[in-house]
Amino acid sequence: MDLYALSKGVKSVDYEPEQFPGAIFRIDSPKAVIILFKNGKMICTGTNSEDNIKKVLDYAAKTIAKYVIAVDK
C-alpha cells in the first residue's frame, strides 16, 4: 500500500513515517480511526458496534482501493 500517496490524496489520512510506521485514517461518520500499514494490515478502533465496524471498513476499502500496490507472485 502506498501510504505516502494515500496521505496526499485523502485529507483525513495522516502519515508521518519518521514518527510512526502506519498511516492514521480518521473517519467522521461513524466515528472511528483506522491505522493502516504498508503490508495491508489495519487496525480499526473507536467504534461501538459491529454494524459500525462494517460501515467503516467498507468506506475505508473504497477510499484506499486505488492506493493498493499489486505484487506479482
Protein backbone atom coordinates (compact mmCIF):
# COMPACT_ATOMS: atom_id res chain seq x y z
CA MET A 1 0.00 0.00 0.00
CA ASP A 2 1.36 3.42 -0.91
CA LEU A 3 0.78 5.27 2.36
CA TYR A 4 2.57 8.41 1.15
CA ALA A 5 0.26 8.78 -1.88
CA LEU A 6 -2.75 7.96 0.30
CA SER A 7 -1.88 10.74 2.74
CA LYS A 8 -1.52 13.21 -0.14
CA GLY A 9 -4.76 12.11 -1.85
CA VAL A 10 -7.04 11.79 1.18
CA LYS A 11 -7.20 14.75 3.57
CA SER A 12 -8.30 12.67 6.56
CA VAL A 13 -5.16 10.49 6.42
CA ASP A 14 -2.03 11.49 8.35
CA TYR A 15 1.26 9.75 7.60
CA GLU A 16 4.49 10.68 9.36
CA PRO A 17 6.87 7.73 8.79
CA GLU A 18 9.55 9.33 10.99
CA GLN A 19 7.11 9.26 13.93
CA PHE A 20 5.11 6.06 13.34
CA PRO A 21 5.18 3.39 10.57
CA GLY A 22 1.41 3.47 9.98
CA ALA A 23 -0.97 5.97 8.43
CA ILE A 24 -3.81 7.24 10.61
CA PHE A 25 -7.17 7.45 8.82
CA ARG A 26 -9.78 9.38 10.81
CA ILE A 27 -13.39 8.74 9.79
CA ASP A 28 -16.15 11.07 10.99
CA SER A 29 -19.32 9.04 10.41
CA PRO A 30 -19.48 6.61 12.06
CA LYS A 31 -16.68 7.94 14.22
CA ALA A 32 -13.61 5.69 14.01
CA VAL A 33 -9.87 5.61 13.44
CA ILE A 34 -8.09 3.11 11.21
CA ILE A 35 -4.34 2.61 11.37
CA LEU A 36 -3.03 1.38 8.01
CA PHE A 37 0.30 -0.33 7.41
CA LYS A 38 2.27 -0.81 4.18
CA ASN A 39 1.71 -4.57 4.19
CA GLY A 40 -2.08 -4.02 4.01
CA LYS A 41 -2.88 -4.79 7.61
CA MET A 42 -5.10 -2.39 9.51
CA ILE A 43 -6.38 -1.74 13.00
CA CYS A 44 -9.87 -0.28 13.47
CA THR A 45 -10.71 1.43 16.74
CA GLY A 46 -13.21 3.85 18.21
CA THR A 47 -16.49 2.31 17.06
CA ASN A 48 -19.10 0.92 19.39
CA SER A 49 -20.88 -1.78 17.37
CA GLU A 50 -20.20 -4.50 14.85
CA ASP A 51 -22.52 -2.75 12.36
CA ASN A 52 -20.44 0.44 12.57
CA ILE A 53 -17.24 -1.55 12.07
CA LYS A 54 -18.66 -2.98 8.84
CA LYS A 55 -19.65 0.51 7.63
CA VAL A 56 -16.22 1.94 8.48
CA LEU A 57 -14.32 -0.89 6.80
CA ASP A 58 -16.50 -0.71 3.66
CA TYR A 59 -15.89 3.04 3.42
CA ALA A 60 -12.15 2.61 4.03
CA ALA A 61 -11.85 -0.16 1.43
CA LYS A 62 -13.48 2.04 -1.23
CA THR A 63 -11.33 5.02 -0.29
CA ILE A 64 -7.96 3.26 -0.22
CA ALA A 65 -8.50 0.80 -3.12
CA LYS A 66 -6.61 2.89 -5.68
CA TYR A 67 -3.56 3.14 -3.40
CA VAL A 68 -3.00 -0.62 -3.16
CA ILE A 69 0.13 -1.79 -4.96
CA ALA A 70 -0.24 -5.16 -6.71
CA VAL A 71 2.63 -7.59 -6.25
CA ASP A 72 3.07 -10.49 -8.66
CA LYS A 73 3.88 -13.83 -7.04
